[in-house]
Amino acid sequence: MKLLEDRIRQDGNVKPGNVLKVDSFLNHQMDVGLFNEMGKEFRRLFPDERINKILTIEASGIGVACIAAQYFHVPVVFAKKSQSINLDGEQYATRIESFTHKRVYDVIVAKKYLGKDDHVLIIDDFLANGCAAAGLIDLVHSAGATVEGVGIAIEKGFQEGGALLRSKGVRVESLAIVESMDAGTGEITFRA
């Protein structure tokens, strides 16, 4: 998606350790107009009418997932990274390691929001090592539901996550795939 690639070039910052900082428009301050275009693109990429839920993980995936959900006319369920007093009833749980935060989270979804009749599109802001997407897939499978695909705003194509998911037969559609980035020069190249 050229619009997203252009925005990453314009406002993204490459930090040491393969970190792409896009907090001015994606995962801290959110450009809702850009999100709207991303939502339209996800709908175009996943035209399947069976999709009846979008699943994401808190917190950065929620904005993108909510805007996309408008085009699918379906609810968004987000996996919580911590137990809280207002999470009641039975839950599906998995463990996910965050590339950005360098920690492992117990991720939870209430069973009442994910069931065997659901056809789920997973949406997230980033795909690096694939742990978050794999964990969400695990939650969907635990519910007996069907994963229809994974939609990613920005994939780091030079890390193994996307290739690993695709090798397992998961349909992954990324709006921008970063082929390489250099913290010294700030240069970012995208997969054609």
N, C-alpha and C. Protein backbone atom coordinates (compact mmCIF):
# COMPACT_ATOMS: atom_id res chain seq x y z
N MET A 1 0.86 -1.17 0.00
CA MET A 1 0.00 0.00 0.00
C MET A 1 0.90 1.24 0.00
N LYS A 2 0.95 1.87 -1.13
CA LYS A 2 1.86 2.99 -1.33
C LYS A 2 1.65 4.12 -0.31
N LEU A 3 0.40 4.40 0.01
CA LEU A 3 0.09 5.46 0.97
C LEU A 3 0.78 5.19 2.32
N LEU A 4 0.72 3.96 2.78
CA LEU A 4 1.37 3.61 4.05
C LEU A 4 2.89 3.62 3.91
N GLU A 5 3.41 3.08 2.83
CA GLU A 5 4.86 3.11 2.62
C GLU A 5 5.39 4.54 2.61
N ASP A 6 4.68 5.42 1.90
CA ASP A 6 5.10 6.83 1.85
C ASP A 6 5.10 7.45 3.24
N ARG A 7 4.10 7.11 4.04
CA ARG A 7 4.01 7.68 5.39
C ARG A 7 5.15 7.15 6.27
N ILE A 8 5.48 5.88 6.10
CA ILE A 8 6.59 5.30 6.86
C ILE A 8 7.90 6.00 6.48
N ARG A 9 8.10 6.21 5.19
CA ARG A 9 9.31 6.92 4.75
C ARG A 9 9.37 8.33 5.31
N GLN A 10 8.22 9.00 5.31
CA GLN A 10 8.16 10.40 5.75
C GLN A 10 8.32 10.55 7.26
N ASP A 11 7.61 9.73 8.02
CA ASP A 11 7.54 9.95 9.46
C ASP A 11 8.10 8.81 10.32
N GLY A 12 8.49 7.70 9.72
CA GLY A 12 9.05 6.60 10.48
C GLY A 12 10.51 6.86 10.83
N ASN A 13 10.94 6.34 11.96
CA ASN A 13 12.33 6.46 12.39
C ASN A 13 12.87 5.08 12.70
N VAL A 14 14.04 4.79 12.15
CA VAL A 14 14.69 3.51 12.40
C VAL A 14 15.61 3.66 13.60
N LYS A 15 15.41 2.77 14.57
CA LYS A 15 16.21 2.78 15.79
C LYS A 15 17.08 1.52 15.83
N PRO A 16 18.17 1.56 16.55
CA PRO A 16 19.01 0.35 16.68
C PRO A 16 18.18 -0.83 17.22
N GLY A 17 18.58 -2.03 16.81
CA GLY A 17 17.88 -3.23 17.25
C GLY A 17 16.69 -3.59 16.39
N ASN A 18 16.69 -3.11 15.13
CA ASN A 18 15.59 -3.39 14.19
C ASN A 18 14.24 -2.87 14.67
N VAL A 19 14.24 -1.71 15.30
CA VAL A 19 13.01 -1.08 15.76
C VAL A 19 12.62 0.01 14.77
N LEU A 20 11.39 -0.07 14.28
CA LEU A 20 10.84 0.95 13.40
C LEU A 20 9.82 1.74 14.22
N LYS A 21 10.13 2.98 14.47
CA LYS A 21 9.29 3.84 15.32
C LYS A 21 8.31 4.59 14.43
N VAL A 22 7.03 4.26 14.59
CA VAL A 22 5.97 4.90 13.80
C VAL A 22 4.88 5.43 14.73
N ASP A 23 5.32 5.90 15.89
CA ASP A 23 4.36 6.31 16.91
C ASP A 23 3.66 7.63 16.60
N SER A 24 4.14 8.38 15.61
CA SER A 24 3.48 9.65 15.29
C SER A 24 2.22 9.46 14.45
N PHE A 25 2.00 8.23 13.92
CA PHE A 25 0.80 8.02 13.11
C PHE A 25 0.16 6.65 13.28
N LEU A 26 0.83 5.68 13.92
CA LEU A 26 0.26 4.34 13.97
C LEU A 26 0.01 3.82 15.38
N ASN A 27 1.00 3.86 16.25
CA ASN A 27 0.81 3.15 17.51
C ASN A 27 1.03 3.97 18.78
N HIS A 28 0.85 5.26 18.66
CA HIS A 28 0.74 6.12 19.85
C HIS A 28 -0.25 7.22 19.48
N GLN A 29 0.16 8.10 18.60
CA GLN A 29 -0.78 9.02 17.96
C GLN A 29 -1.27 8.30 16.70
N MET A 30 -2.59 8.35 16.45
CA MET A 30 -3.15 7.59 15.33
C MET A 30 -3.73 8.52 14.28
N ASP A 31 -3.33 8.30 13.03
CA ASP A 31 -3.87 9.05 11.90
C ASP A 31 -5.11 8.30 11.41
N VAL A 32 -6.28 8.74 11.81
CA VAL A 32 -7.51 8.03 11.53
C VAL A 32 -7.82 8.01 10.03
N GLY A 33 -7.44 9.05 9.31
CA GLY A 33 -7.63 9.05 7.86
C GLY A 33 -6.82 7.94 7.21
N LEU A 34 -5.58 7.77 7.64
CA LEU A 34 -4.74 6.68 7.14
C LEU A 34 -5.34 5.34 7.55
N PHE A 35 -5.79 5.22 8.79
CA PHE A 35 -6.43 3.98 9.26
C PHE A 35 -7.64 3.64 8.39
N ASN A 36 -8.39 4.67 8.02
CA ASN A 36 -9.57 4.45 7.18
C ASN A 36 -9.17 3.82 5.84
N GLU A 37 -8.12 4.33 5.24
CA GLU A 37 -7.64 3.76 3.97
C GLU A 37 -7.11 2.34 4.17
N MET A 38 -6.48 2.10 5.30
CA MET A 38 -5.99 0.75 5.61
C MET A 38 -7.17 -0.19 5.80
N GLY A 39 -8.22 0.26 6.45
CA GLY A 39 -9.42 -0.57 6.64
C GLY A 39 -10.05 -0.95 5.31
N LYS A 40 -10.13 0.01 4.39
CA LYS A 40 -10.66 -0.28 3.04
C LYS A 40 -9.80 -1.32 2.34
N GLU A 41 -8.49 -1.20 2.49
CA GLU A 41 -7.58 -2.13 1.83
C GLU A 41 -7.68 -3.53 2.42
N PHE A 42 -7.82 -3.64 3.73
CA PHE A 42 -8.02 -4.96 4.33
C PHE A 42 -9.31 -5.59 3.80
N ARG A 43 -10.35 -4.79 3.65
CA ARG A 43 -11.62 -5.34 3.12
C ARG A 43 -11.43 -5.82 1.69
N ARG A 44 -10.67 -5.08 0.91
CA ARG A 44 -10.41 -5.50 -0.47
C ARG A 44 -9.61 -6.80 -0.50
N LEU A 45 -8.63 -6.91 0.38
CA LEU A 45 -7.77 -8.09 0.42
C LEU A 45 -8.48 -9.32 0.98
N PHE A 46 -9.47 -9.11 1.82
CA PHE A 46 -10.22 -10.21 2.43
C PHE A 46 -11.71 -10.03 2.14
N PRO A 47 -12.13 -10.33 0.91
CA PRO A 47 -13.53 -10.11 0.53
C PRO A 47 -14.48 -11.18 1.05
N ASP A 48 -13.97 -12.20 1.73
CA ASP A 48 -14.77 -13.33 2.17
C ASP A 48 -15.90 -12.88 3.10
N GLU A 49 -17.11 -13.20 2.72
CA GLU A 49 -18.28 -12.81 3.52
C GLU A 49 -18.43 -13.64 4.79
N ARG A 50 -17.67 -14.75 4.91
CA ARG A 50 -17.78 -15.58 6.11
C ARG A 50 -17.15 -14.92 7.33
N ILE A 51 -16.26 -13.97 7.14
CA ILE A 51 -15.60 -13.32 8.28
C ILE A 51 -16.66 -12.66 9.15
N ASN A 52 -16.74 -13.10 10.41
CA ASN A 52 -17.74 -12.51 11.31
C ASN A 52 -17.15 -11.93 12.59
N LYS A 53 -15.81 -12.01 12.71
CA LYS A 53 -15.13 -11.39 13.86
C LYS A 53 -13.74 -10.95 13.43
N ILE A 54 -13.29 -9.87 14.02
CA ILE A 54 -11.90 -9.46 13.90
C ILE A 54 -11.29 -9.58 15.28
N LEU A 55 -10.11 -10.21 15.33
CA LEU A 55 -9.40 -10.41 16.59
C LEU A 55 -8.07 -9.67 16.51
N THR A 56 -7.75 -8.96 17.58
CA THR A 56 -6.46 -8.27 17.68
C THR A 56 -5.97 -8.41 19.12
N ILE A 57 -4.87 -7.75 19.39
CA ILE A 57 -4.29 -7.80 20.74
C ILE A 57 -4.09 -6.37 21.23
N GLU A 58 -4.31 -6.16 22.52
CA GLU A 58 -4.10 -4.81 23.02
C GLU A 58 -2.62 -4.48 23.02
N ALA A 59 -2.24 -3.28 22.81
CA ALA A 59 -3.10 -2.13 22.63
C ALA A 59 -3.02 -1.60 21.19
N SER A 60 -1.87 -1.70 20.57
CA SER A 60 -1.66 -1.01 19.29
C SER A 60 -2.49 -1.54 18.13
N GLY A 61 -2.94 -2.76 18.19
CA GLY A 61 -3.75 -3.30 17.09
C GLY A 61 -5.19 -2.85 17.12
N ILE A 62 -5.65 -2.35 18.26
CA ILE A 62 -7.08 -2.05 18.43
C ILE A 62 -7.57 -0.98 17.45
N GLY A 63 -6.83 0.10 17.29
CA GLY A 63 -7.27 1.18 16.41
C GLY A 63 -7.45 0.71 14.98
N VAL A 64 -6.45 0.02 14.45
CA VAL A 64 -6.51 -0.47 13.07
C VAL A 64 -7.66 -1.47 12.93
N ALA A 65 -7.80 -2.37 13.90
CA ALA A 65 -8.86 -3.38 13.85
C ALA A 65 -10.25 -2.73 13.87
N CYS A 66 -10.43 -1.72 14.70
CA CYS A 66 -11.75 -1.07 14.79
C CYS A 66 -12.14 -0.37 13.49
N ILE A 67 -11.20 0.33 12.89
CA ILE A 67 -11.51 0.99 11.63
C ILE A 67 -11.80 -0.04 10.55
N ALA A 68 -11.00 -1.11 10.49
CA ALA A 68 -11.24 -2.16 9.50
C ALA A 68 -12.60 -2.81 9.71
N ALA A 69 -12.98 -3.01 10.96
CA ALA A 69 -14.25 -3.68 11.28
C ALA A 69 -15.45 -2.95 10.69
N GLN A 70 -15.34 -1.64 10.52
CA GLN A 70 -16.44 -0.88 9.91
C GLN A 70 -16.74 -1.37 8.50
N TYR A 71 -15.71 -1.79 7.78
CA TYR A 71 -15.86 -2.24 6.40
C TYR A 71 -16.32 -3.69 6.31
N PHE A 72 -16.12 -4.45 7.39
CA PHE A 72 -16.58 -5.84 7.44
C PHE A 72 -17.94 -5.95 8.13
N HIS A 73 -18.34 -4.90 8.84
CA HIS A 73 -19.59 -4.88 9.61
C HIS A 73 -19.61 -6.02 10.63
N VAL A 74 -18.50 -6.15 11.36
CA VAL A 74 -18.36 -7.20 12.36
C VAL A 74 -17.77 -6.60 13.63
N PRO A 75 -17.91 -7.31 14.76
CA PRO A 75 -17.30 -6.81 16.00
C PRO A 75 -15.81 -7.10 16.05
N VAL A 76 -15.13 -6.35 16.89
CA VAL A 76 -13.71 -6.56 17.18
C VAL A 76 -13.62 -7.15 18.59
N VAL A 77 -12.83 -8.20 18.70
CA VAL A 77 -12.49 -8.77 20.01
C VAL A 77 -11.00 -8.52 20.19
N PHE A 78 -10.61 -8.01 21.35
CA PHE A 78 -9.18 -7.86 21.56
C PHE A 78 -8.73 -8.70 22.73
N ALA A 79 -7.61 -9.38 22.51
CA ALA A 79 -7.01 -10.20 23.55
C ALA A 79 -6.36 -9.28 24.57
N LYS A 80 -6.65 -9.52 25.83
CA LYS A 80 -6.10 -8.71 26.91
C LYS A 80 -4.78 -9.29 27.38
N LYS A 81 -3.87 -8.41 27.74
CA LYS A 81 -2.55 -8.84 28.20
C LYS A 81 -2.47 -9.03 29.70
N SER A 82 -3.57 -8.83 30.39
CA SER A 82 -3.55 -9.06 31.84
C SER A 82 -4.96 -9.36 32.32
N GLN A 83 -5.02 -10.10 33.38
CA GLN A 83 -6.28 -10.44 34.02
C GLN A 83 -6.81 -9.18 34.73
N SER A 84 -8.13 -9.01 34.72
CA SER A 84 -8.72 -7.88 35.45
C SER A 84 -10.00 -8.35 36.13
N ILE A 85 -10.49 -7.56 37.06
CA ILE A 85 -11.68 -7.98 37.81
C ILE A 85 -12.94 -8.01 36.95
N ASN A 86 -12.93 -7.27 35.83
CA ASN A 86 -14.13 -7.30 34.99
C ASN A 86 -14.04 -8.33 33.87
N LEU A 87 -13.05 -9.21 33.90
CA LEU A 87 -13.01 -10.37 33.01
C LEU A 87 -13.64 -11.53 33.77
N ASP A 88 -14.85 -11.88 33.40
CA ASP A 88 -15.52 -12.94 34.12
C ASP A 88 -15.79 -14.14 33.22
N GLY A 89 -16.09 -15.26 33.83
CA GLY A 89 -16.40 -16.46 33.07
C GLY A 89 -15.14 -17.17 32.59
N GLU A 90 -15.36 -18.18 31.76
CA GLU A 90 -14.25 -18.97 31.24
C GLU A 90 -13.49 -18.19 30.17
N GLN A 91 -12.21 -18.53 30.04
CA GLN A 91 -11.35 -17.79 29.13
C GLN A 91 -10.43 -18.73 28.36
N TYR A 92 -10.06 -18.29 27.17
CA TYR A 92 -8.97 -18.92 26.43
C TYR A 92 -7.73 -18.12 26.78
N ALA A 93 -6.60 -18.81 26.91
CA ALA A 93 -5.37 -18.11 27.26
C ALA A 93 -4.20 -18.71 26.49
N THR A 94 -3.23 -17.88 26.20
CA THR A 94 -1.99 -18.31 25.58
C THR A 94 -0.88 -17.37 26.05
N ARG A 95 0.34 -17.70 25.71
CA ARG A 95 1.48 -16.85 26.08
C ARG A 95 2.10 -16.30 24.81
N ILE A 96 2.42 -15.01 24.83
CA ILE A 96 2.98 -14.33 23.66
C ILE A 96 4.19 -13.52 24.09
N GLU A 97 5.27 -13.67 23.32
CA GLU A 97 6.46 -12.87 23.57
C GLU A 97 6.43 -11.64 22.66
N SER A 98 6.57 -10.47 23.23
CA SER A 98 6.57 -9.22 22.48
C SER A 98 7.98 -8.88 22.01
N PHE A 99 8.13 -8.67 20.69
CA PHE A 99 9.43 -8.24 20.15
C PHE A 99 9.80 -6.87 20.69
N THR A 100 8.83 -5.94 20.69
CA THR A 100 9.10 -4.56 21.09
C THR A 100 9.37 -4.43 22.59
N HIS A 101 8.58 -5.12 23.39
CA HIS A 101 8.69 -4.96 24.84
C HIS A 101 9.62 -5.97 25.50
N LYS A 102 10.07 -6.96 24.73
CA LYS A 102 11.02 -7.97 25.24
C LYS A 102 10.51 -8.64 26.52
N ARG A 103 9.21 -9.00 26.50
CA ARG A 103 8.65 -9.73 27.63
C ARG A 103 7.56 -10.66 27.15
N VAL A 104 7.20 -11.60 28.00
CA VAL A 104 6.17 -12.59 27.69
C VAL A 104 4.88 -12.18 28.41
N TYR A 105 3.77 -12.21 27.66
CA TYR A 105 2.46 -11.86 28.22
C TYR A 105 1.56 -13.09 28.22
N ASP A 106 0.75 -13.23 29.27
CA ASP A 106 -0.36 -14.17 29.25
C ASP A 106 -1.51 -13.41 28.61
N VAL A 107 -2.00 -13.92 27.49
CA VAL A 107 -3.02 -13.21 26.71
C VAL A 107 -4.35 -13.96 26.85
N ILE A 108 -5.42 -13.20 27.07
CA ILE A 108 -6.70 -13.77 27.46
C ILE A 108 -7.84 -13.25 26.58
N VAL A 109 -8.74 -14.16 26.20
CA VAL A 109 -10.00 -13.79 25.55
C VAL A 109 -11.12 -14.57 26.24
N ALA A 110 -12.19 -13.88 26.60
CA ALA A 110 -13.34 -14.55 27.22
C ALA A 110 -13.98 -15.50 26.21
N LYS A 111 -14.30 -16.69 26.67
CA LYS A 111 -14.88 -17.71 25.79
C LYS A 111 -16.20 -17.25 25.16
N LYS A 112 -16.93 -16.38 25.85
CA LYS A 112 -18.22 -15.94 25.30
C LYS A 112 -18.07 -15.08 24.04
N TYR A 113 -16.85 -14.61 23.74
CA TYR A 113 -16.65 -13.77 22.57
C TYR A 113 -15.97 -14.48 21.41
N LEU A 114 -15.66 -15.75 21.56
CA LEU A 114 -14.98 -16.50 20.50
C LEU A 114 -15.47 -17.94 20.56
N GLY A 115 -16.13 -18.39 19.48
CA GLY A 115 -16.70 -19.73 19.49
C GLY A 115 -16.47 -20.48 18.19
N LYS A 116 -16.92 -21.73 18.17
CA LYS A 116 -16.66 -22.63 17.05
C LYS A 116 -17.28 -22.17 15.73
N ASP A 117 -18.28 -21.33 15.77
CA ASP A 117 -18.93 -20.86 14.55
C ASP A 117 -18.29 -19.60 13.98
N ASP A 118 -17.27 -19.10 14.65
CA ASP A 118 -16.64 -17.85 14.21
C ASP A 118 -15.61 -18.08 13.11
N HIS A 119 -15.61 -17.16 12.16
CA HIS A 119 -14.62 -17.09 11.07
C HIS A 119 -13.88 -15.78 11.30
N VAL A 120 -12.62 -15.90 11.71
CA VAL A 120 -11.89 -14.79 12.31
C VAL A 120 -10.81 -14.25 11.38
N LEU A 121 -10.78 -12.93 11.27
CA LEU A 121 -9.67 -12.23 10.64
C LEU A 121 -8.86 -11.61 11.77
N ILE A 122 -7.58 -11.95 11.83
CA ILE A 122 -6.68 -11.39 12.83
C ILE A 122 -6.02 -10.16 12.23
N ILE A 123 -6.06 -9.06 12.94
CA ILE A 123 -5.43 -7.82 12.47
C ILE A 123 -4.51 -7.29 13.56
N ASP A 124 -3.30 -6.84 13.12
CA ASP A 124 -2.36 -6.24 14.07
C ASP A 124 -1.55 -5.16 13.37
N ASP A 125 -0.88 -4.34 14.16
CA ASP A 125 -0.11 -3.25 13.59
C ASP A 125 1.21 -3.72 13.02
N PHE A 126 1.90 -4.66 13.70
CA PHE A 126 3.23 -5.10 13.26
C PHE A 126 3.32 -6.61 13.22
N LEU A 127 4.16 -7.10 12.34
CA LEU A 127 4.55 -8.51 12.31
C LEU A 127 6.07 -8.54 12.22
N ALA A 128 6.71 -9.07 13.26
CA ALA A 128 8.18 -9.19 13.28
C ALA A 128 8.55 -10.66 13.39
N ASN A 129 8.54 -11.18 14.61
CA ASN A 129 8.91 -12.59 14.79
C ASN A 129 7.71 -13.52 14.73
N GLY A 130 6.51 -12.97 14.67
CA GLY A 130 5.30 -13.76 14.48
C GLY A 130 4.67 -14.29 15.75
N CYS A 131 5.23 -13.97 16.90
CA CYS A 131 4.70 -14.53 18.15
C CYS A 131 3.28 -14.06 18.45
N ALA A 132 2.99 -12.78 18.26
CA ALA A 132 1.64 -12.28 18.56
C ALA A 132 0.61 -12.94 17.65
N ALA A 133 0.89 -12.97 16.34
CA ALA A 133 -0.05 -13.59 15.40
C ALA A 133 -0.22 -15.07 15.72
N ALA A 134 0.88 -15.78 16.00
CA ALA A 134 0.80 -17.20 16.32
C ALA A 134 -0.02 -17.43 17.60
N GLY A 135 0.15 -16.56 18.58
CA GLY A 135 -0.63 -16.66 19.81
C GLY A 135 -2.11 -16.44 19.57
N LEU A 136 -2.45 -15.45 18.73
CA LEU A 136 -3.85 -15.20 18.42
C LEU A 136 -4.44 -16.36 17.63
N ILE A 137 -3.66 -16.93 16.73
CA ILE A 137 -4.11 -18.13 16.00
C ILE A 137 -4.39 -19.25 16.98
N ASP A 138 -3.52 -19.42 17.97
CA ASP A 138 -3.72 -20.43 19.00
C ASP A 138 -5.03 -20.22 19.75
N LEU A 139 -5.35 -18.98 20.07
CA LEU A 139 -6.62 -18.67 20.75
C LEU A 139 -7.81 -19.05 19.88
N VAL A 140 -7.74 -18.72 18.58
CA VAL A 140 -8.83 -19.05 17.66
C VAL A 140 -9.00 -20.57 17.58
N HIS A 141 -7.91 -21.28 17.44
CA HIS A 141 -7.98 -22.74 17.37
C HIS A 141 -8.51 -23.33 18.68
N SER A 142 -8.14 -22.75 19.81
CA SER A 142 -8.65 -23.23 21.11
C SER A 142 -10.17 -23.12 21.18
N ALA A 143 -10.71 -22.12 20.51
CA ALA A 143 -12.16 -21.92 20.48
C ALA A 143 -12.86 -22.81 19.46
N GLY A 144 -12.08 -23.51 18.64
CA GLY A 144 -12.66 -24.31 17.57
C GLY A 144 -13.11 -23.47 16.40
N ALA A 145 -12.70 -22.22 16.38
CA ALA A 145 -13.07 -21.28 15.31
C ALA A 145 -12.09 -21.41 14.15
N THR A 146 -12.38 -20.69 13.06
CA THR A 146 -11.59 -20.75 11.84
C THR A 146 -10.84 -19.45 11.63
N VAL A 147 -9.54 -19.55 11.37
CA VAL A 147 -8.75 -18.37 11.00
C VAL A 147 -8.88 -18.18 9.49
N GLU A 148 -9.44 -17.07 9.08
CA GLU A 148 -9.59 -16.77 7.65
C GLU A 148 -8.37 -16.05 7.09
N GLY A 149 -7.56 -15.48 7.97
CA GLY A 149 -6.35 -14.80 7.53
C GLY A 149 -5.83 -13.88 8.60
N VAL A 150 -4.66 -13.33 8.30
CA VAL A 150 -4.00 -12.38 9.18
C VAL A 150 -3.70 -11.12 8.36
N GLY A 151 -4.19 -9.98 8.81
CA GLY A 151 -3.93 -8.70 8.17
C GLY A 151 -2.98 -7.89 9.04
N ILE A 152 -1.90 -7.43 8.43
CA ILE A 152 -0.86 -6.71 9.17
C ILE A 152 -0.64 -5.34 8.52
N ALA A 153 -0.53 -4.31 9.32
CA ALA A 153 -0.21 -2.99 8.78
C ALA A 153 1.23 -3.00 8.25
N ILE A 154 2.20 -3.29 9.12
CA ILE A 154 3.62 -3.26 8.73
C ILE A 154 4.28 -4.58 9.09
N GLU A 155 4.83 -5.25 8.09
CA GLU A 155 5.58 -6.48 8.32
C GLU A 155 7.06 -6.20 8.13
N LYS A 156 7.86 -6.69 9.04
CA LYS A 156 9.31 -6.65 8.87
C LYS A 156 9.70 -7.91 8.11
N GLY A 157 9.80 -7.78 6.79
CA GLY A 157 10.05 -8.92 5.92
C GLY A 157 11.40 -9.58 6.14
N PHE A 158 12.32 -8.88 6.76
CA PHE A 158 13.65 -9.42 7.02
C PHE A 158 13.68 -10.24 8.31
N GLN A 159 12.57 -10.27 9.05
CA GLN A 159 12.46 -11.13 10.23
C GLN A 159 11.58 -12.33 9.85
N GLU A 160 11.64 -13.38 10.64
CA GLU A 160 11.07 -14.66 10.23
C GLU A 160 9.57 -14.82 10.39
N GLY A 161 8.89 -13.91 11.05
CA GLY A 161 7.48 -14.10 11.38
C GLY A 161 6.56 -14.37 10.20
N GLY A 162 6.63 -13.52 9.19
CA GLY A 162 5.75 -13.69 8.03
C GLY A 162 6.00 -14.99 7.29
N ALA A 163 7.27 -15.30 7.07
CA ALA A 163 7.63 -16.55 6.37
C ALA A 163 7.18 -17.77 7.17
N LEU A 164 7.34 -17.72 8.48
CA LEU A 164 6.94 -18.84 9.33
C LEU A 164 5.43 -19.07 9.25
N LEU A 165 4.65 -18.02 9.37
CA LEU A 165 3.19 -18.16 9.29
C LEU A 165 2.76 -18.68 7.92
N ARG A 166 3.33 -18.10 6.87
CA ARG A 166 2.96 -18.54 5.52
C ARG A 166 3.35 -20.00 5.28
N SER A 167 4.48 -20.43 5.84
CA SER A 167 4.91 -21.83 5.66
C SER A 167 3.95 -22.80 6.34
N LYS A 168 3.16 -22.31 7.30
CA LYS A 168 2.17 -23.14 7.97
C LYS A 168 0.80 -23.05 7.30
N GLY A 169 0.74 -22.39 6.14
CA GLY A 169 -0.50 -22.29 5.39
C GLY A 169 -1.42 -21.16 5.80
N VAL A 170 -0.93 -20.24 6.62
CA VAL A 170 -1.74 -19.11 7.05
C VAL A 170 -1.68 -18.02 5.97
N ARG A 171 -2.84 -17.52 5.60
CA ARG A 171 -2.87 -16.41 4.64
C ARG A 171 -2.53 -15.12 5.38
N VAL A 172 -1.42 -14.51 4.99
CA VAL A 172 -0.98 -13.26 5.61
C VAL A 172 -0.95 -12.18 4.54
N GLU A 173 -1.65 -11.09 4.80
CA GLU A 173 -1.65 -9.94 3.90
C GLU A 173 -1.13 -8.74 4.68
N SER A 174 0.01 -8.22 4.25
CA SER A 174 0.61 -7.06 4.91
C SER A 174 0.52 -5.85 4.00
N LEU A 175 0.14 -4.72 4.55
CA LEU A 175 -0.04 -3.51 3.74
C LEU A 175 1.30 -2.89 3.35
N ALA A 176 2.31 -3.07 4.17
CA ALA A 176 3.67 -2.61 3.84
C ALA A 176 4.64 -3.64 4.39
N ILE A 177 5.53 -4.13 3.52
CA ILE A 177 6.54 -5.09 3.96
C ILE A 177 7.91 -4.42 3.85
N VAL A 178 8.52 -4.18 5.01
CA VAL A 178 9.84 -3.57 5.05
C VAL A 178 10.86 -4.65 4.72
N GLU A 179 11.61 -4.43 3.65
CA GLU A 179 12.63 -5.39 3.23
C GLU A 179 13.92 -5.19 4.01
N SER A 180 14.26 -3.92 4.25
CA SER A 180 15.45 -3.62 5.03
C SER A 180 15.33 -2.22 5.60
N MET A 181 16.10 -2.00 6.66
CA MET A 181 16.15 -0.65 7.25
C MET A 181 17.49 -0.50 7.93
N ASP A 182 17.98 0.73 7.94
CA ASP A 182 19.32 1.02 8.45
C ASP A 182 19.22 2.13 9.49
N ALA A 183 19.56 1.79 10.72
CA ALA A 183 19.49 2.78 11.80
C ALA A 183 20.48 3.92 11.60
N GLY A 184 21.61 3.64 10.95
CA GLY A 184 22.62 4.67 10.72
C GLY A 184 22.19 5.73 9.73
N THR A 185 21.59 5.29 8.62
CA THR A 185 21.18 6.23 7.56
C THR A 185 19.70 6.58 7.64
N GLY A 186 18.94 5.75 8.34
CA GLY A 186 17.49 5.96 8.38
C GLY A 186 16.78 5.43 7.14
N GLU A 187 17.53 4.80 6.23
CA GLU A 187 16.95 4.31 4.99
C GLU A 187 16.06 3.09 5.23
N ILE A 188 14.91 3.11 4.56
CA ILE A 188 13.93 2.03 4.65
C ILE A 188 13.59 1.61 3.23
N THR A 189 13.70 0.32 2.93
CA THR A 189 13.29 -0.18 1.62
C THR A 189 12.14 -1.16 1.82
N PHE A 190 11.28 -1.20 0.81
CA PHE A 190 10.08 -2.03 0.88
C PHE A 190 10.13 -3.13 -0.17
N ARG A 191 9.51 -4.25 0.14
CA ARG A 191 9.39 -5.35 -0.82
C ARG A 191 8.43 -4.92 -1.92
N ALA A 192 8.81 -5.22 -3.14
CA ALA A 192 7.97 -4.84 -4.29
C ALA A 192 6.74 -5.72 -4.38
